[in-house]
PDB file of N, CA and C in Angstrom:
ATOM      1  N   UNK A   1      72.480 104.828  81.393  1.00  0.00           N
ATOM      2  CA  UNK A   1      73.548 104.966  82.377  1.00  0.00           C
ATOM      3  C   UNK A   1      73.142 106.008  83.423  1.00  0.00           C
ATOM      4  N   UNK A   2      73.379 105.684  84.661  1.00  0.00           N
ATOM      5  CA  UNK A   2      73.015 106.574  85.758  1.00  0.00           C
ATOM      6  C   UNK A   2      74.042 107.696  85.900  1.00  0.00           C
ATOM      7  N   UNK A   3      73.534 108.912  86.040  1.00  0.00           N
ATOM      8  CA  UNK A   3      74.439 110.048  86.238  1.00  0.00           C
ATOM      9  C   UNK A   3      74.957 110.038  87.664  1.00  0.00           C
ATOM     10  N   UNK A   4      76.210 110.465  87.819  1.00  0.00           N
ATOM     11  CA  UNK A   4      76.853 110.534  89.130  1.00  0.00           C
ATOM     12  C   UNK A   4      77.177 111.984  89.449  1.00  0.00           C
ATOM     13  N   UNK A   5      77.372 112.243  90.722  1.00  0.00           N
ATOM     14  CA  UNK A   5      77.832 113.559  91.151  1.00  0.00           C
ATOM     15  C   UNK A   5      79.345 113.510  91.281  1.00  0.00           C
ATOM     16  N   UNK A   6      80.008 114.466  90.645  1.00  0.00           N
ATOM     17  CA  UNK A   6      81.465 114.578  90.664  1.00  0.00           C
ATOM     18  C   UNK A   6      81.837 115.882  91.351  1.00  0.00           C
ATOM     19  N   UNK A   7      82.984 115.905  91.989  1.00  0.00           N
ATOM     20  CA  UNK A   7      83.502 117.110  92.633  1.00  0.00           C
ATOM     21  C   UNK A   7      84.657 117.636  91.784  1.00  0.00           C
ATOM     22  N   UNK A   8      84.564 118.896  91.407  1.00  0.00           N
ATOM     23  CA  UNK A   8      85.644 119.558  90.673  1.00  0.00           C
ATOM     24  C   UNK A   8      86.303 120.547  91.628  1.00  0.00           C
ATOM     25  N   UNK A   9      87.592 120.394  91.839  1.00  0.00           N
ATOM     26  CA  UNK A   9      88.354 121.273  92.727  1.00  0.00           C
ATOM     27  C   UNK A   9      89.338 122.052  91.862  1.00  0.00           C
ATOM     28  N   UNK A  10      89.094 123.350  91.729  1.00  0.00           N
ATOM     29  CA  UNK A  10      89.913 124.221  90.887  1.00  0.00           C
ATOM     30  C   UNK A  10      90.960 124.946  91.723  1.00  0.00           C
ATOM     31  N   UNK A  11      92.115 125.172  91.143  1.00  0.00           N
ATOM     32  CA  UNK A  11      93.135 126.069  91.690  1.00  0.00           C
ATOM     33  C   UNK A  11      93.478 127.038  90.565  1.00  0.00           C
ATOM     34  N   UNK A  12      93.448 128.330  90.871  1.00  0.00           N
ATOM     35  CA  UNK A  12      93.680 129.339  89.837  1.00  0.00           C
ATOM     36  C   UNK A  12      94.193 130.622  90.485  1.00  0.00           C
ATOM     37  N   UNK A  13      94.687 131.542  89.668  1.00  0.00           N
ATOM     38  CA  UNK A  13      95.168 132.835  90.156  1.00  0.00           C
ATOM     39  C   UNK A  13      94.072 133.875  89.960  1.00  0.00           C
ATOM     40  N   UNK A  14      93.850 134.686  90.983  1.00  0.00           N
ATOM     41  CA  UNK A  14      92.862 135.763  90.872  1.00  0.00           C
ATOM     42  C   UNK A  14      93.482 136.925  90.097  1.00  0.00           C
ATOM     43  N   UNK A  15      92.697 137.955  89.857  1.00  0.00           N
ATOM     44  CA  UNK A  15      93.183 139.112  89.106  1.00  0.00           C
ATOM     45  C   UNK A  15      94.371 139.786  89.778  1.00  0.00           C
ATOM     46  N   UNK A  16      94.435 139.730  91.120  1.00  0.00           N
ATOM     47  CA  UNK A  16      95.559 140.354  91.826  1.00  0.00           C
ATOM     48  C   UNK A  16      96.753 139.407  91.977  1.00  0.00           C
ATOM     49  N   UNK A  17      96.656 138.200  91.398  1.00  0.00           N
ATOM     50  CA  UNK A  17      97.781 137.263  91.412  1.00  0.00           C
ATOM     51  C   UNK A  17      97.795 136.283  92.570  1.00  0.00           C
ATOM     52  N   UNK A  18      96.855 136.395  93.492  1.00  0.00           N
ATOM     53  CA  UNK A  18      96.843 135.460  94.618  1.00  0.00           C
ATOM     54  C   UNK A  18      96.193 134.138  94.199  1.00  0.00           C
ATOM     55  N   UNK A  19      96.609 133.065  94.851  1.00  0.00           N
ATOM     56  CA  UNK A  19      96.069 131.735  94.548  1.00  0.00           C
ATOM     57  C   UNK A  19      94.673 131.600  95.146  1.00  0.00           C
ATOM     58  N   UNK A  20      93.777 131.043  94.381  1.00  0.00           N
ATOM     59  CA  UNK A  20      92.400 130.831  94.821  1.00  0.00           C
ATOM     60  C   UNK A  20      92.010 129.380  94.568  1.00  0.00           C
ATOM     61  N   UNK A  21      91.024 128.911  95.318  1.00  0.00           N
ATOM     62  CA  UNK A  21      90.466 127.584  95.075  1.00  0.00           C
ATOM     63  C   UNK A  21      88.955 127.701  94.982  1.00  0.00           C
ATOM     64  N   UNK A  22      88.375 126.754  94.302  1.00  0.00           N
ATOM     65  CA  UNK A  22      86.916 126.697  94.184  1.00  0.00           C
ATOM     66  C   UNK A  22      86.521 125.233  94.061  1.00  0.00           C
ATOM     67  N   UNK A  23      85.463 124.858  94.736  1.00  0.00           N
ATOM     68  CA  UNK A  23      84.951 123.492  94.667  1.00  0.00           C
ATOM     69  C   UNK A  23      83.534 123.568  94.123  1.00  0.00           C
ATOM     70  N   UNK A  24      83.257 122.708  93.154  1.00  0.00           N
ATOM     71  CA  UNK A  24      81.942 122.723  92.517  1.00  0.00           C
ATOM     72  C   UNK A  24      81.468 121.297  92.270  1.00  0.00           C
ATOM     73  N   UNK A  25      80.178 121.053  92.409  1.00  0.00           N
ATOM     74  CA  UNK A  25      79.594 119.746  92.083  1.00  0.00           C
ATOM     75  C   UNK A  25      79.183 119.742  90.617  1.00  0.00           C
ATOM     76  N   UNK A  26      79.431 118.614  89.964  1.00  0.00           N
ATOM     77  CA  UNK A  26      79.083 118.436  88.557  1.00  0.00           C
ATOM     78  C   UNK A  26      78.316 117.123  88.429  1.00  0.00           C
ATOM     79  N   UNK A  27      77.257 117.122  87.654  1.00  0.00           N
ATOM     80  CA  UNK A  27      76.481 115.911  87.396  1.00  0.00           C
ATOM     81  C   UNK A  27      76.834 115.435  85.988  1.00  0.00           C
ATOM     82  N   UNK A  28      77.333 114.191  85.891  1.00  0.00           N
ATOM     83  CA  UNK A  28      77.726 113.644  84.588  1.00  0.00           C
ATOM     84  C   UNK A  28      77.684 112.122  84.626  1.00  0.00           C
ATOM     85  N   UNK A  29      77.613 111.521  83.448  1.00  0.00           N
ATOM     86  CA  UNK A  29      77.578 110.060  83.335  1.00  0.00           C
ATOM     87  C   UNK A  29      78.910 109.413  83.655  1.00  0.00           C
ATOM     88  N   UNK A  30      80.012 110.069  83.264  1.00  0.00           N
ATOM     89  CA  UNK A  30      81.326 109.445  83.422  1.00  0.00           C
ATOM     90  C   UNK A  30      82.396 110.500  83.685  1.00  0.00           C
ATOM     91  N   UNK A  31      83.602 110.018  83.987  1.00  0.00           N
ATOM     92  CA  UNK A  31      84.722 110.887  84.342  1.00  0.00           C
ATOM     93  C   UNK A  31      85.065 111.859  83.211  1.00  0.00           C
ATOM     94  N   UNK A  32      85.173 111.348  81.980  1.00  0.00           N
ATOM     95  CA  UNK A  32      85.565 112.203  80.852  1.00  0.00           C
ATOM     96  C   UNK A  32      84.576 113.344  80.638  1.00  0.00           C
ATOM     97  N   UNK A  33      83.302 113.051  80.748  1.00  0.00           N
ATOM     98  CA  UNK A  33      82.282 114.091  80.607  1.00  0.00           C
ATOM     99  C   UNK A  33      82.381 115.090  81.754  1.00  0.00           C
ATOM    100  N   UNK A  34      82.614 114.604  82.961  1.00  0.00           N
ATOM    101  CA  UNK A  34      82.755 115.492  84.123  1.00  0.00           C
ATOM    102  C   UNK A  34      83.944 116.432  83.955  1.00  0.00           C
ATOM    103  N   UNK A  35      85.059 115.910  83.455  1.00  0.00           N
ATOM    104  CA  UNK A  35      86.244 116.756  83.234  1.00  0.00           C
ATOM    105  C   UNK A  35      85.944 117.817  82.177  1.00  0.00           C
ATOM    106  N   UNK A  36      85.278 117.425  81.101  1.00  0.00           N
ATOM    107  CA  UNK A  36      84.939 118.389  80.046  1.00  0.00           C
ATOM    108  C   UNK A  36      84.015 119.482  80.576  1.00  0.00           C
ATOM    109  N   UNK A  37      83.012 119.108  81.345  1.00  0.00           N
ATOM    110  CA  UNK A  37      82.111 120.103  81.934  1.00  0.00           C
ATOM    111  C   UNK A  37      82.857 121.013  82.906  1.00  0.00           C
ATOM    112  N   UNK A  38      83.760 120.446  83.686  1.00  0.00           N
ATOM    113  CA  UNK A  38      84.555 121.244  84.626  1.00  0.00           C
ATOM    114  C   UNK A  38      85.429 122.246  83.878  1.00  0.00           C
ATOM    115  N   UNK A  39      86.047 121.802  82.786  1.00  0.00           N
ATOM    116  CA  UNK A  39      86.907 122.692  81.996  1.00  0.00           C
ATOM    117  C   UNK A  39      86.091 123.820  81.364  1.00  0.00           C
ATOM    118  N   UNK A  40      84.894 123.508  80.901  1.00  0.00           N
ATOM    119  CA  UNK A  40      84.043 124.523  80.272  1.00  0.00           C
ATOM    120  C   UNK A  40      83.499 125.537  81.271  1.00  0.00           C
ATOM    121  N   UNK A  41      83.488 125.190  82.552  1.00  0.00           N
ATOM    122  CA  UNK A  41      82.924 126.063  83.584  1.00  0.00           C
ATOM    123  C   UNK A  41      84.000 126.562  84.548  1.00  0.00           C
ATOM    124  N   UNK A  42      85.205 126.723  84.054  1.00  0.00           N
ATOM    125  CA  UNK A  42      86.325 127.108  84.920  1.00  0.00           C
ATOM    126  C   UNK A  42      86.185 128.552  85.403  1.00  0.00           C
ATOM    127  N   UNK A  43      86.719 128.852  86.587  1.00  0.00           N
ATOM    128  CA  UNK A  43      86.606 130.197  87.148  1.00  0.00           C
ATOM    129  C   UNK A  43      87.619 131.192  86.571  1.00  0.00           C
ATOM    130  N   UNK A  44      88.583 130.717  85.780  1.00  0.00           N
ATOM    131  CA  UNK A  44      89.606 131.589  85.207  1.00  0.00           C
ATOM    132  C   UNK A  44      90.097 130.978  83.899  1.00  0.00           C
ATOM    133  N   UNK A  45      90.806 131.781  83.108  1.00  0.00           N
ATOM    134  CA  UNK A  45      91.321 131.282  81.830  1.00  0.00           C
ATOM    135  C   UNK A  45      92.374 130.198  82.040  1.00  0.00           C
ATOM    136  N   UNK A  46      93.249 130.389  83.021  1.00  0.00           N
ATOM    137  CA  UNK A  46      94.276 129.398  83.345  1.00  0.00           C
ATOM    138  C   UNK A  46      93.964 128.807  84.715  1.00  0.00           C
ATOM    139  N   UNK A  47      93.957 127.486  84.792  1.00  0.00           N
ATOM    140  CA  UNK A  47      93.567 126.818  86.027  1.00  0.00           C
ATOM    141  C   UNK A  47      94.073 125.383  86.024  1.00  0.00           C
ATOM    142  N   UNK A  48      94.045 124.775  87.200  1.00  0.00           N
ATOM    143  CA  UNK A  48      94.270 123.341  87.373  1.00  0.00           C
ATOM    144  C   UNK A  48      93.004 122.810  88.023  1.00  0.00           C
ATOM    145  N   UNK A  49      92.537 121.648  87.573  1.00  0.00           N
ATOM    146  CA  UNK A  49      91.316 121.089  88.152  1.00  0.00           C
ATOM    147  C   UNK A  49      91.517 119.608  88.435  1.00  0.00           C
ATOM    148  N   UNK A  50      91.003 119.186  89.571  1.00  0.00           N
ATOM    149  CA  UNK A  50      90.984 117.775  89.954  1.00  0.00           C
ATOM    150  C   UNK A  50      89.519 117.366  90.027  1.00  0.00           C
ATOM    151  N   UNK A  51      89.172 116.267  89.361  1.00  0.00           N
ATOM    152  CA  UNK A  51      87.785 115.801  89.338  1.00  0.00           C
ATOM    153  C   UNK A  51      87.737 114.395  89.911  1.00  0.00           C
ATOM    154  N   UNK A  52      86.821 114.181  90.863  1.00  0.00           N
ATOM    155  CA  UNK A  52      86.686 112.858  91.475  1.00  0.00           C
ATOM    156  C   UNK A  52      85.229 112.648  91.878  1.00  0.00           C
ATOM    157  N   UNK A  53      84.799 111.387  91.975  1.00  0.00           N
ATOM    158  CA  UNK A  53      83.406 111.124  92.338  1.00  0.00           C
ATOM    159  C   UNK A  53      83.101 111.560  93.765  1.00  0.00           C
ATOM    160  N   UNK A  54      81.907 112.065  93.979  1.00  0.00           N
ATOM    161  CA  UNK A  54      81.480 112.438  95.323  1.00  0.00           C
ATOM    162  C   UNK A  54      81.421 111.179  96.185  1.00  0.00           C
ATOM    163  N   UNK A  55      81.901 111.295  97.421  1.00  0.00           N
ATOM    164  CA  UNK A  55      81.965 110.144  98.308  1.00  0.00           C
ATOM    165  C   UNK A  55      81.899 110.608  99.753  1.00  0.00           C
ATOM    166  N   UNK A  56      81.442 109.729 100.616  1.00  0.00           N
ATOM    167  CA  UNK A  56      81.458 109.999 102.049  1.00  0.00           C
ATOM    168  C   UNK A  56      82.712 109.440 102.708  1.00  0.00           C
ATOM    169  N   UNK A  57      83.596 108.837 101.910  1.00  0.00           N
ATOM    170  CA  UNK A  57      84.845 108.295 102.443  1.00  0.00           C
ATOM    171  C   UNK A  57      85.741 109.423 102.925  1.00  0.00           C
ATOM    172  N   UNK A  58      86.557 109.130 103.910  1.00  0.00           N
ATOM    173  CA  UNK A  58      87.447 110.126 104.482  1.00  0.00           C
ATOM    174  C   UNK A  58      88.892 109.767 104.157  1.00  0.00           C
ATOM    175  N   UNK A  59      89.655 110.744 103.657  1.00  0.00           N
ATOM    176  CA  UNK A  59      91.052 110.550 103.295  1.00  0.00           C
ATOM    177  C   UNK A  59      91.902 111.607 103.988  1.00  0.00           C
ATOM    178  N   UNK A  60      92.824 111.196 104.795  1.00  0.00           N
ATOM    179  CA  UNK A  60      93.761 112.105 105.458  1.00  0.00           C
ATOM    180  C   UNK A  60      93.058 113.289 106.114  1.00  0.00           C
ATOM    181  N   UNK A  61      91.938 113.023 106.754  1.00  0.00           N
ATOM    182  CA  UNK A  61      91.235 114.071 107.476  1.00  0.00           C
ATOM    183  C   UNK A  61      90.258 114.872 106.642  1.00  0.00           C
ATOM    184  N   UNK A  62      90.188 114.612 105.334  1.00  0.00           N
ATOM    185  CA  UNK A  62      89.262 115.333 104.474  1.00  0.00           C
ATOM    186  C   UNK A  62      88.133 114.417 104.056  1.00  0.00           C
ATOM    187  N   UNK A  63      86.934 114.922 104.042  1.00  0.00           N
ATOM    188  CA  UNK A  63      85.797 114.150 103.548  1.00  0.00           C
ATOM    189  C   UNK A  63      85.586 114.529 102.098  1.00  0.00           C
ATOM    190  N   UNK A  64      85.614 113.502 101.242  1.00  0.00           N
ATOM    191  CA  UNK A  64      85.424 113.766  99.812  1.00  0.00           C
ATOM    192  C   UNK A  64      84.043 113.348  99.405  1.00  0.00           C
TER     193      UNK A  64
END
């Protein structure tokens, strides 16, 4: 199976309580593996993460 590049977009609170975001590329075979890798590499103990395949498609003004 060919590995794909996935984008993990994290939202979390910094030490001072302000909201932060972080975007990271993840290489994985499938969505479930990408989510697990994203969770294991989170920038904070508590976070929300959205994982989606890397794409050149444009959605609502954003390039994903």
